[in-house]
Every structure is written in structure tokens, then in C-alpha cells.
């Protein structure tokens, strides 16, 4: 199976490493197919990929389902339909598709990675960690699995373990910006606030339009008694992503750690904060 840069269901997948579309219908799966169904399969495959990549998820789900009618033993098709169903917020149905893909190809890591991300979306932290552990058994250098396991560890309040996983993800993939911001978030929660601010600053220099890093920097600077720089970064945040005004989304959707959520809340309420 191949990974692509496909991002599905922004409230979940844009914050987690996920496997994208897999190659559908391997050549050996088409051996023996009559010419007419073969042409139909090839046409459906093209339509399914095009609709998925265009964000036309209802149509894409129908195309992947039609392909499964022809090729029910092809694990990539189940995995791809699962991705689309996540995009439609049909999480339980997506889990069923990933389960089927795993049953057909138990040694492929991507369906475990995607199932783990969906389980996170459902708050099933221990089950998600189990999926990420399986990914790492199959692919020990999978940076996305380390990052995702860190997310689930943090959701359980185990921020030291989360930091170790995030750092491992960065060591494996230094350009993994989401893992780098997660390192800073965990550092802040663990009281390493100077290191966290340094991480946030480095990320905003390298990626000026990275709203999460600027929002984190805003909260941390305000709490450190640097209101001018904090407010300057906040102006940029609001030009990039207005969701950071919503503390419920920051807490439950983005899943920032409690210490940084509190710092952002003080900023939003313009409360005087202690100097660290």
C-alpha cells in the first residue's frame, strides 16, 4: 500500500499522521476478469481516486463500494473506503472497513494507523495505542505512529510518555512539523516552558503560516509576561485560523494540554498572568 498526502476529516486527521490512499486493485487481483468488468473496474478506480482527491466524498464512497462488489478480497479497497467514511464522519462504518482490510492483510501497517486515528476520534485511547503499537511492530521507523501514540498518551494524561513519542517522531522525520509542535506542547505541560517557547518560535520562523505554532506561542508568551509579542502573534493567528478563539475546540478538537489551554484562556480573557 502507498501513502499519499491526502488529508481526511480536518477535525481529526489534520492533527494526526494517517495513511492516505492505497493502490487499489493490484494487477494480480484483475487476472481472470472478463474484459467488460475489467473496463468497469478500471473506470471506477479512476473515478474513486479522482472523487476522493477532489473532496467529493459521498460520490467517492459509492465508487469504492462498487469496486468492492467486484473485488471484495482486495484490502486496499476496504482501507480506501474507510478513509472516505472518516471524511464523512461515519466513524463506526470506517472502523468496520479497516477491520476488514486488516483481516485480509494483517501485515500491512496503514490500516492499523488509520484505525488508531479513528479510535482516537472516538476517545478509545487504549485501543488506539494498541493499533499504533502494532504499526511499530510492523514498521519500527514509522514517525506517524510515534506521533499518534503520543497523542493518545497525552489524552490519557501521560505527558512524559507523549513527549518521548513525539521526540522519537521528530528524530525519525525532522521535517514533521506536527510532531515538532507536539514536542513543544508536551514540554510546556511538563514545566519546560522556556524550551517550549523556543520550539514555538523556531516553528513560526520556519513556517510563518503555521497557525497552531503561533497560537501556542501567543499563549506561552502572554503567560510569560510578554504581552506585546503575544498580541502580535495573535493577529497572525486570527488571519490564519479563527478556531483558536474557541477554547472547547482547542481543548477537545486540537487536544492541547491543560497548562497551555489555561494560558490561552488567560490571554483571551485578558487576565494578568504570572511571569514564569
C-alpha atoms as a PDB file:
ATOM      1  CA  UNK A   1       0.000   0.000   0.000  1.00  0.00           C
ATOM      2  CA  UNK A   2       1.170   3.514  -0.752  1.00  0.00           C
ATOM      3  CA  UNK A   3       0.905   6.591   1.430  1.00  0.00           C
ATOM      4  CA  UNK A   4      -0.068   9.910  -0.065  1.00  0.00           C
ATOM      5  CA  UNK A   5      -0.507  13.390   1.294  1.00  0.00           C
ATOM      6  CA  UNK A   6      -4.280  13.009   1.424  1.00  0.00           C
ATOM      7  CA  UNK A   7      -5.811  14.727   4.444  1.00  0.00           C
ATOM      8  CA  UNK A   8      -9.208  13.487   5.547  1.00  0.00           C
ATOM      9  CA  UNK A   9     -11.675  14.881   8.065  1.00  0.00           C
ATOM     10  CA  UNK A  10      -9.884  18.028   9.218  1.00  0.00           C
ATOM     11  CA  UNK A  11     -11.052  17.928  12.840  1.00  0.00           C
ATOM     12  CA  UNK A  12      -9.252  14.610  13.248  1.00  0.00           C
ATOM     13  CA  UNK A  13      -6.816  13.785  10.520  1.00  0.00           C
ATOM     14  CA  UNK A  14      -5.062  17.106  10.072  1.00  0.00           C
ATOM     15  CA  UNK A  15      -3.596  16.660  13.554  1.00  0.00           C
ATOM     16  CA  UNK A  16      -2.584  13.020  13.238  1.00  0.00           C
ATOM     17  CA  UNK A  17      -0.320  11.057  10.972  1.00  0.00           C
ATOM     18  CA  UNK A  18      -2.525   8.992   8.694  1.00  0.00           C
ATOM     19  CA  UNK A  19      -2.027   6.750   5.748  1.00  0.00           C
ATOM     20  CA  UNK A  20      -3.638   8.073   2.620  1.00  0.00           C
ATOM     21  CA  UNK A  21      -4.991   6.285  -0.406  1.00  0.00           C
ATOM     22  CA  UNK A  22      -3.630   2.848  -1.132  1.00  0.00           C
ATOM     23  CA  UNK A  23      -3.182   1.440  -4.585  1.00  0.00           C
ATOM     24  CA  UNK A  24      -6.490  -0.155  -5.492  1.00  0.00           C
ATOM     25  CA  UNK A  25      -6.896  -3.415  -7.330  1.00  0.00           C
ATOM     26  CA  UNK A  26      -3.421  -4.869  -7.638  1.00  0.00           C
ATOM     27  CA  UNK A  27      -2.785  -6.343 -11.090  1.00  0.00           C
ATOM     28  CA  UNK A  28      -2.994  -9.931  -9.829  1.00  0.00           C
ATOM     29  CA  UNK A  29      -6.474  -9.220  -8.463  1.00  0.00           C
ATOM     30  CA  UNK A  30      -7.655  -8.488 -12.013  1.00  0.00           C
ATOM     31  CA  UNK A  31      -6.361 -11.713 -13.517  1.00  0.00           C
ATOM     32  CA  UNK A  32      -9.219 -13.719 -14.973  1.00  0.00           C
ATOM     33  CA  UNK A  33     -11.665 -10.830 -15.014  1.00  0.00           C
ATOM     34  CA  UNK A  34     -13.733 -10.673 -18.220  1.00  0.00           C
ATOM     35  CA  UNK A  35     -12.944  -7.714 -20.440  1.00  0.00           C
ATOM     36  CA  UNK A  36     -16.184  -5.844 -19.721  1.00  0.00           C
ATOM     37  CA  UNK A  37     -15.865  -5.984 -15.892  1.00  0.00           C
ATOM     38  CA  UNK A  38     -12.167  -5.190 -16.252  1.00  0.00           C
ATOM     39  CA  UNK A  39     -13.023  -1.981 -18.089  1.00  0.00           C
ATOM     40  CA  UNK A  40     -15.653  -1.167 -15.454  1.00  0.00           C
ATOM     41  CA  UNK A  41     -13.145  -1.756 -12.646  1.00  0.00           C
ATOM     42  CA  UNK A  42     -10.545   0.462 -14.261  1.00  0.00           C
ATOM     43  CA  UNK A  43     -13.103   3.210 -14.823  1.00  0.00           C
ATOM     44  CA  UNK A  44     -14.409   3.008 -11.263  1.00  0.00           C
ATOM     45  CA  UNK A  45     -10.881   3.075  -9.921  1.00  0.00           C
ATOM     46  CA  UNK A  46     -10.124   6.314 -11.749  1.00  0.00           C
ATOM     47  CA  UNK A  47     -13.406   7.852 -10.604  1.00  0.00           C
ATOM     48  CA  UNK A  48     -12.862   6.776  -6.999  1.00  0.00           C
ATOM     49  CA  UNK A  49      -9.389   8.287  -6.790  1.00  0.00           C
ATOM     50  CA  UNK A  50     -10.468  11.481  -8.543  1.00  0.00           C
ATOM     51  CA  UNK A  51     -13.534  11.977  -6.331  1.00  0.00           C
ATOM     52  CA  UNK A  52     -11.575  11.281  -3.149  1.00  0.00           C
ATOM     53  CA  UNK A  53      -8.793  13.680  -4.018  1.00  0.00           C
ATOM     54  CA  UNK A  54     -11.344  16.339  -5.016  1.00  0.00           C
ATOM     55  CA  UNK A  55     -13.096  16.035  -1.664  1.00  0.00           C
ATOM     56  CA  UNK A  56     -16.299  14.657  -3.226  1.00  0.00           C
ATOM     57  CA  UNK A  57     -16.608  12.066  -0.504  1.00  0.00           C
ATOM     58  CA  UNK A  58     -20.198  10.878  -0.978  1.00  0.00           C
ATOM     59  CA  UNK A  59     -19.512  10.087  -4.608  1.00  0.00           C
ATOM     60  CA  UNK A  60     -16.164   8.539  -3.691  1.00  0.00           C
ATOM     61  CA  UNK A  61     -17.810   6.246  -1.141  1.00  0.00           C
ATOM     62  CA  UNK A  62     -20.167   4.983  -3.824  1.00  0.00           C
ATOM     63  CA  UNK A  63     -17.306   4.331  -6.270  1.00  0.00           C
ATOM     64  CA  UNK A  64     -15.242   2.439  -3.684  1.00  0.00           C
ATOM     65  CA  UNK A  65     -18.352   0.416  -2.748  1.00  0.00           C
ATOM     66  CA  UNK A  66     -18.923  -0.526  -6.386  1.00  0.00           C
ATOM     67  CA  UNK A  67     -15.299  -1.597  -6.683  1.00  0.00           C
ATOM     68  CA  UNK A  68     -15.755  -3.792  -3.610  1.00  0.00           C
ATOM     69  CA  UNK A  69     -18.665  -5.505  -5.324  1.00  0.00           C
ATOM     70  CA  UNK A  70     -16.182  -6.634  -7.971  1.00  0.00           C
ATOM     71  CA  UNK A  71     -13.163  -7.214  -5.706  1.00  0.00           C
ATOM     72  CA  UNK A  72     -14.306  -7.986  -2.137  1.00  0.00           C
ATOM     73  CA  UNK A  73     -10.993  -9.614  -1.204  1.00  0.00           C
ATOM     74  CA  UNK A  74      -8.869  -6.554  -2.081  1.00  0.00           C
ATOM     75  CA  UNK A  75      -7.724  -4.964   1.225  1.00  0.00           C
ATOM     76  CA  UNK A  76      -6.686  -1.633  -0.309  1.00  0.00           C
ATOM     77  CA  UNK A  77     -10.269  -1.003  -1.391  1.00  0.00           C
ATOM     78  CA  UNK A  78     -11.604  -1.512   2.135  1.00  0.00           C
ATOM     79  CA  UNK A  79      -8.929   0.794   3.514  1.00  0.00           C
ATOM     80  CA  UNK A  80      -9.653   3.495   0.948  1.00  0.00           C
ATOM     81  CA  UNK A  81     -13.384   3.371   1.594  1.00  0.00           C
ATOM     82  CA  UNK A  82     -12.605   3.601   5.297  1.00  0.00           C
ATOM     83  CA  UNK A  83     -10.662   6.813   4.671  1.00  0.00           C
ATOM     84  CA  UNK A  84     -13.600   8.291   2.784  1.00  0.00           C
ATOM     85  CA  UNK A  85     -16.024   7.296   5.523  1.00  0.00           C
ATOM     86  CA  UNK A  86     -13.845   9.067   8.058  1.00  0.00           C
ATOM     87  CA  UNK A  87     -14.100  12.156   5.880  1.00  0.00           C
ATOM     88  CA  UNK A  88     -17.880  11.814   6.081  1.00  0.00           C
ATOM     89  CA  UNK A  89     -17.651  11.397   9.879  1.00  0.00           C
ATOM     90  CA  UNK A  90     -19.030   7.859   9.566  1.00  0.00           C
ATOM     91  CA  UNK A  91     -16.535   6.581  12.108  1.00  0.00           C
ATOM     92  CA  UNK A  92     -18.139   3.294  13.082  1.00  0.00           C
ATOM     93  CA  UNK A  93     -18.524   2.338   9.417  1.00  0.00           C
ATOM     94  CA  UNK A  94     -14.897   3.319   8.819  1.00  0.00           C
ATOM     95  CA  UNK A  95     -13.792   1.043  11.657  1.00  0.00           C
ATOM     96  CA  UNK A  96     -15.598  -1.851  10.013  1.00  0.00           C
ATOM     97  CA  UNK A  97     -13.767  -1.172   6.752  1.00  0.00           C
ATOM     98  CA  UNK A  98     -10.384  -1.011   8.468  1.00  0.00           C
ATOM     99  CA  UNK A  99     -11.190  -4.213  10.353  1.00  0.00           C
ATOM    100  CA  UNK A 100     -11.870  -5.913   7.037  1.00  0.00           C
ATOM    101  CA  UNK A 101      -8.684  -4.547   5.470  1.00  0.00           C
ATOM    102  CA  UNK A 102      -6.677  -5.805   8.452  1.00  0.00           C
ATOM    103  CA  UNK A 103      -8.290  -9.246   8.278  1.00  0.00           C
ATOM    104  CA  UNK A 104      -7.311  -9.513   4.619  1.00  0.00           C
ATOM    105  CA  UNK A 105      -3.793  -8.061   5.014  1.00  0.00           C
ATOM    106  CA  UNK A 106      -2.729  -8.336   8.680  1.00  0.00           C
ATOM    107  CA  UNK A 107       0.885  -7.434   7.934  1.00  0.00           C
ATOM    108  CA  UNK A 108       0.134  -4.049   6.327  1.00  0.00           C
ATOM    109  CA  UNK A 109       0.660  -1.161   8.777  1.00  0.00           C
ATOM    110  CA  UNK A 110      -1.503   1.550   7.199  1.00  0.00           C
ATOM    111  CA  UNK A 111      -4.965   0.229   8.152  1.00  0.00           C
ATOM    112  CA  UNK A 112      -3.803  -0.065  11.777  1.00  0.00           C
ATOM    113  CA  UNK A 113      -2.579   3.528  11.676  1.00  0.00           C
ATOM    114  CA  UNK A 114      -5.879   4.785  10.289  1.00  0.00           C
ATOM    115  CA  UNK A 115      -7.956   2.665  12.639  1.00  0.00           C
ATOM    116  CA  UNK A 116      -5.964   4.037  15.543  1.00  0.00           C
ATOM    117  CA  UNK A 117      -6.697   7.606  14.455  1.00  0.00           C
ATOM    118  CA  UNK A 118     -10.421   6.836  14.248  1.00  0.00           C
ATOM    119  CA  UNK A 119     -10.323   5.221  17.667  1.00  0.00           C
ATOM    120  CA  UNK A 120      -8.750   8.401  18.971  1.00  0.00           C
ATOM    121  CA  UNK A 121     -11.623  10.339  17.453  1.00  0.00           C
ATOM    122  CA  UNK A 122     -13.975   8.087  19.424  1.00  0.00           C
ATOM    123  CA  UNK A 123     -11.988   8.529  22.641  1.00  0.00           C
ATOM    124  CA  UNK A 124     -10.825   4.903  22.654  1.00  0.00           C
ATOM    125  CA  UNK A 125      -7.299   5.733  23.813  1.00  0.00           C
ATOM    126  CA  UNK A 126      -6.103   2.277  24.891  1.00  0.00           C
ATOM    127  CA  UNK A 127      -7.386   0.653  21.693  1.00  0.00           C
ATOM    128  CA  UNK A 128      -5.709   3.381  19.618  1.00  0.00           C
ATOM    129  CA  UNK A 129      -2.405   2.803  21.398  1.00  0.00           C
ATOM    130  CA  UNK A 130      -2.751  -0.905  20.648  1.00  0.00           C
ATOM    131  CA  UNK A 131      -3.091  -0.123  16.946  1.00  0.00           C
ATOM    132  CA  UNK A 132      -0.054   2.161  16.984  1.00  0.00           C
ATOM    133  CA  UNK A 133       1.968  -0.468  18.809  1.00  0.00           C
ATOM    134  CA  UNK A 134       1.080  -2.901  16.041  1.00  0.00           C
ATOM    135  CA  UNK A 135       2.187  -0.390  13.393  1.00  0.00           C
ATOM    136  CA  UNK A 136       5.525  -0.062  15.153  1.00  0.00           C
ATOM    137  CA  UNK A 137       5.930  -3.827  15.280  1.00  0.00           C
ATOM    138  CA  UNK A 138       5.492  -3.914  11.512  1.00  0.00           C
ATOM    139  CA  UNK A 139       7.305  -0.652  10.718  1.00  0.00           C
ATOM    140  CA  UNK A 140       9.595   0.353  13.614  1.00  0.00           C
ATOM    141  CA  UNK A 141      10.597   3.656  11.998  1.00  0.00           C
ATOM    142  CA  UNK A 142       7.069   4.919  11.348  1.00  0.00           C
ATOM    143  CA  UNK A 143       7.153   8.518  12.587  1.00  0.00           C
ATOM    144  CA  UNK A 144       3.373   8.959  12.218  1.00  0.00           C
ATOM    145  CA  UNK A 145       2.714   6.050  14.556  1.00  0.00           C
ATOM    146  CA  UNK A 146       5.001   7.551  17.199  1.00  0.00           C
ATOM    147  CA  UNK A 147       3.296  10.937  16.854  1.00  0.00           C
ATOM    148  CA  UNK A 148      -0.169   9.398  17.063  1.00  0.00           C
ATOM    149  CA  UNK A 149       0.740   7.238  20.037  1.00  0.00           C
ATOM    150  CA  UNK A 150       1.970  10.390  21.721  1.00  0.00           C
ATOM    151  CA  UNK A 151      -1.433  11.982  21.087  1.00  0.00           C
ATOM    152  CA  UNK A 152      -3.208   9.071  22.747  1.00  0.00           C
ATOM    153  CA  UNK A 153      -0.740   9.052  25.642  1.00  0.00           C
ATOM    154  CA  UNK A 154      -1.337  12.755  26.187  1.00  0.00           C
ATOM    155  CA  UNK A 155      -5.098  12.258  26.109  1.00  0.00           C
ATOM    156  CA  UNK A 156      -4.640   9.824  28.989  1.00  0.00           C
ATOM    157  CA  UNK A 157      -2.612  12.437  30.882  1.00  0.00           C
ATOM    158  CA  UNK A 158       0.699  10.620  30.402  1.00  0.00           C
ATOM    159  CA  UNK A 159       2.622  13.595  29.042  1.00  0.00           C
ATOM    160  CA  UNK A 160       6.094  12.234  29.780  1.00  0.00           C
ATOM    161  CA  UNK A 161       5.399   9.209  27.579  1.00  0.00           C
ATOM    162  CA  UNK A 162       3.799  11.503  24.990  1.00  0.00           C
ATOM    163  CA  UNK A 163       6.907  13.688  24.874  1.00  0.00           C
ATOM    164  CA  UNK A 164       9.133  10.651  24.358  1.00  0.00           C
ATOM    165  CA  UNK A 165       6.977   9.511  21.431  1.00  0.00           C
ATOM    166  CA  UNK A 166       6.828  12.966  19.861  1.00  0.00           C
ATOM    167  CA  UNK A 167      10.592  13.344  20.140  1.00  0.00           C
ATOM    168  CA  UNK A 168      11.111   9.954  18.529  1.00  0.00           C
ATOM    169  CA  UNK A 169       8.849  11.014  15.655  1.00  0.00           C
ATOM    170  CA  UNK A 170      10.944  14.159  15.165  1.00  0.00           C
ATOM    171  CA  UNK A 171      14.192  12.181  15.341  1.00  0.00           C
ATOM    172  CA  UNK A 172      12.905   9.919  12.583  1.00  0.00           C
ATOM    173  CA  UNK A 173      11.487  12.768  10.482  1.00  0.00           C
ATOM    174  CA  UNK A 174      12.931  16.197  11.347  1.00  0.00           C
ATOM    175  CA  UNK A 175      10.571  17.894   8.863  1.00  0.00           C
ATOM    176  CA  UNK A 176       7.479  16.504  10.613  1.00  0.00           C
ATOM    177  CA  UNK A 177       6.093  19.871  11.743  1.00  0.00           C
ATOM    178  CA  UNK A 178       3.107  18.446  13.622  1.00  0.00           C
ATOM    179  CA  UNK A 179       5.372  16.258  15.704  1.00  0.00           C
ATOM    180  CA  UNK A 180       7.608  19.242  16.425  1.00  0.00           C
ATOM    181  CA  UNK A 181       4.719  21.360  17.671  1.00  0.00           C
ATOM    182  CA  UNK A 182       3.577  18.413  19.776  1.00  0.00           C
ATOM    183  CA  UNK A 183       7.029  18.261  21.365  1.00  0.00           C
ATOM    184  CA  UNK A 184       6.576  21.889  22.405  1.00  0.00           C
ATOM    185  CA  UNK A 185       3.077  21.282  23.746  1.00  0.00           C
ATOM    186  CA  UNK A 186       4.251  18.370  25.883  1.00  0.00           C
ATOM    187  CA  UNK A 187       7.269  20.327  27.108  1.00  0.00           C
ATOM    188  CA  UNK A 188       5.005  23.158  28.204  1.00  0.00           C
ATOM    189  CA  UNK A 189       2.714  20.789  30.081  1.00  0.00           C
ATOM    190  CA  UNK A 190       5.720  19.242  31.836  1.00  0.00           C
ATOM    191  CA  UNK A 191       7.005  22.631  33.002  1.00  0.00           C
ATOM    192  CA  UNK A 192       9.768  23.006  30.410  1.00  0.00           C
ATOM    193  CA  UNK A 193       8.318  26.327  29.325  1.00  0.00           C
ATOM    194  CA  UNK A 194      11.471  28.002  28.054  1.00  0.00           C
ATOM    195  CA  UNK A 195      12.172  25.012  25.806  1.00  0.00           C
ATOM    196  CA  UNK A 196       8.576  25.043  24.596  1.00  0.00           C
ATOM    197  CA  UNK A 197       8.698  28.745  23.712  1.00  0.00           C
ATOM    198  CA  UNK A 198      11.941  28.166  21.830  1.00  0.00           C
ATOM    199  CA  UNK A 199      10.245  25.350  19.889  1.00  0.00           C
ATOM    200  CA  UNK A 200       7.210  27.505  19.071  1.00  0.00           C
ATOM    201  CA  UNK A 201       9.415  30.392  17.930  1.00  0.00           C
ATOM    202  CA  UNK A 202      11.508  28.148  15.715  1.00  0.00           C
ATOM    203  CA  UNK A 203       8.395  26.736  14.093  1.00  0.00           C
ATOM    204  CA  UNK A 204       6.862  30.150  13.412  1.00  0.00           C
ATOM    205  CA  UNK A 205      10.124  31.289  11.798  1.00  0.00           C
ATOM    206  CA  UNK A 206      10.266  28.230   9.591  1.00  0.00           C
ATOM    207  CA  UNK A 207       6.528  28.034   8.885  1.00  0.00           C
ATOM    208  CA  UNK A 208       5.058  31.562   9.184  1.00  0.00           C
ATOM    209  CA  UNK A 209       1.546  30.330   8.342  1.00  0.00           C
ATOM    210  CA  UNK A 210       1.524  27.518  10.921  1.00  0.00           C
ATOM    211  CA  UNK A 211      -1.448  28.695  12.986  1.00  0.00           C
ATOM    212  CA  UNK A 212      -1.027  26.117  15.735  1.00  0.00           C
ATOM    213  CA  UNK A 213       2.539  27.196  16.470  1.00  0.00           C
ATOM    214  CA  UNK A 214       1.592  30.885  16.507  1.00  0.00           C
ATOM    215  CA  UNK A 215      -1.384  30.248  18.789  1.00  0.00           C
ATOM    216  CA  UNK A 216       0.768  28.209  21.174  1.00  0.00           C
ATOM    217  CA  UNK A 217       3.416  30.925  21.115  1.00  0.00           C
ATOM    218  CA  UNK A 218       0.755  33.546  21.849  1.00  0.00           C
ATOM    219  CA  UNK A 219      -0.461  31.718  24.942  1.00  0.00           C
ATOM    220  CA  UNK A 220       3.026  30.911  26.215  1.00  0.00           C
ATOM    221  CA  UNK A 221       4.334  34.455  25.724  1.00  0.00           C
ATOM    222  CA  UNK A 222       1.309  36.006  27.412  1.00  0.00           C
ATOM    223  CA  UNK A 223       1.762  33.712  30.375  1.00  0.00           C
ATOM    224  CA  UNK A 224       5.465  34.625  30.452  1.00  0.00           C
ATOM    225  CA  UNK A 225       4.669  38.316  30.737  1.00  0.00           C
ATOM    226  CA  UNK A 226       5.395  39.306  27.131  1.00  0.00           C
ATOM    227  CA  UNK A 227       2.027  40.754  26.040  1.00  0.00           C
ATOM    228  CA  UNK A 228       3.259  42.780  23.070  1.00  0.00           C
ATOM    229  CA  UNK A 229       4.826  39.843  21.274  1.00  0.00           C
ATOM    230  CA  UNK A 230       1.880  37.655  22.248  1.00  0.00           C
ATOM    231  CA  UNK A 231      -0.658  40.049  20.741  1.00  0.00           C
ATOM    232  CA  UNK A 232       1.402  40.422  17.573  1.00  0.00           C
ATOM    233  CA  UNK A 233       1.342  36.669  17.029  1.00  0.00           C
ATOM    234  CA  UNK A 234      -2.363  36.523  17.797  1.00  0.00           C
ATOM    235  CA  UNK A 235      -3.138  38.920  14.960  1.00  0.00           C
ATOM    236  CA  UNK A 236      -1.447  36.444  12.630  1.00  0.00           C
ATOM    237  CA  UNK A 237      -3.366  33.531  14.162  1.00  0.00           C
ATOM    238  CA  UNK A 238      -6.712  35.196  13.513  1.00  0.00           C
ATOM    239  CA  UNK A 239      -5.734  35.727   9.902  1.00  0.00           C
ATOM    240  CA  UNK A 240      -4.989  32.017   9.575  1.00  0.00           C
ATOM    241  CA  UNK A 241      -7.472  30.049  11.681  1.00  0.00           C
ATOM    242  CA  UNK A 242     -10.259  31.544  13.788  1.00  0.00           C
ATOM    243  CA  UNK A 243     -10.933  28.290  15.633  1.00  0.00           C
ATOM    244  CA  UNK A 244      -8.329  29.169  18.258  1.00  0.00           C
ATOM    245  CA  UNK A 245     -10.821  31.595  19.787  1.00  0.00           C
ATOM    246  CA  UNK A 246     -12.894  28.555  20.742  1.00  0.00           C
ATOM    247  CA  UNK A 247     -11.399  27.042  23.892  1.00  0.00           C
ATOM    248  CA  UNK A 248     -13.638  23.986  23.622  1.00  0.00           C
ATOM    249  CA  UNK A 249     -12.194  23.234  20.187  1.00  0.00           C
ATOM    250  CA  UNK A 250      -8.632  23.818  21.382  1.00  0.00           C
ATOM    251  CA  UNK A 251      -9.231  21.520  24.344  1.00  0.00           C
ATOM    252  CA  UNK A 252     -11.261  18.762  22.721  1.00  0.00           C
ATOM    253  CA  UNK A 253     -10.629  19.028  18.982  1.00  0.00           C
ATOM    254  CA  UNK A 254      -6.987  20.033  18.832  1.00  0.00           C
ATOM    255  CA  UNK A 255      -6.363  18.479  22.276  1.00  0.00           C
ATOM    256  CA  UNK A 256      -3.809  20.918  23.641  1.00  0.00           C
ATOM    257  CA  UNK A 257      -2.526  20.022  27.113  1.00  0.00           C
ATOM    258  CA  UNK A 258      -4.250  21.640  30.113  1.00  0.00           C
ATOM    259  CA  UNK A 259      -1.440  24.038  31.014  1.00  0.00           C
ATOM    260  CA  UNK A 260      -1.386  25.664  27.595  1.00  0.00           C
ATOM    261  CA  UNK A 261      -5.184  25.765  27.338  1.00  0.00           C
ATOM    262  CA  UNK A 262      -5.202  27.655  30.635  1.00  0.00           C
ATOM    263  CA  UNK A 263      -2.593  30.073  29.322  1.00  0.00           C
ATOM    264  CA  UNK A 264      -4.638  30.705  26.192  1.00  0.00           C
ATOM    265  CA  UNK A 265      -7.755  31.206  28.294  1.00  0.00           C
ATOM    266  CA  UNK A 266      -5.972  33.873  30.338  1.00  0.00           C
ATOM    267  CA  UNK A 267      -4.921  35.596  27.146  1.00  0.00           C
ATOM    268  CA  UNK A 268      -8.416  35.502  25.694  1.00  0.00           C
ATOM    269  CA  UNK A 269      -9.853  36.891  28.888  1.00  0.00           C
ATOM    270  CA  UNK A 270      -7.041  39.454  29.107  1.00  0.00           C
ATOM    271  CA  UNK A 271      -6.224  38.372  32.623  1.00  0.00           C
ATOM    272  CA  UNK A 272      -2.947  39.250  34.307  1.00  0.00           C
ATOM    273  CA  UNK A 273      -0.737  36.174  34.310  1.00  0.00           C
ATOM    274  CA  UNK A 274       2.279  35.285  36.429  1.00  0.00           C
ATOM    275  CA  UNK A 275       5.740  35.789  34.974  1.00  0.00           C
ATOM    276  CA  UNK A 276       7.477  32.432  34.600  1.00  0.00           C
END
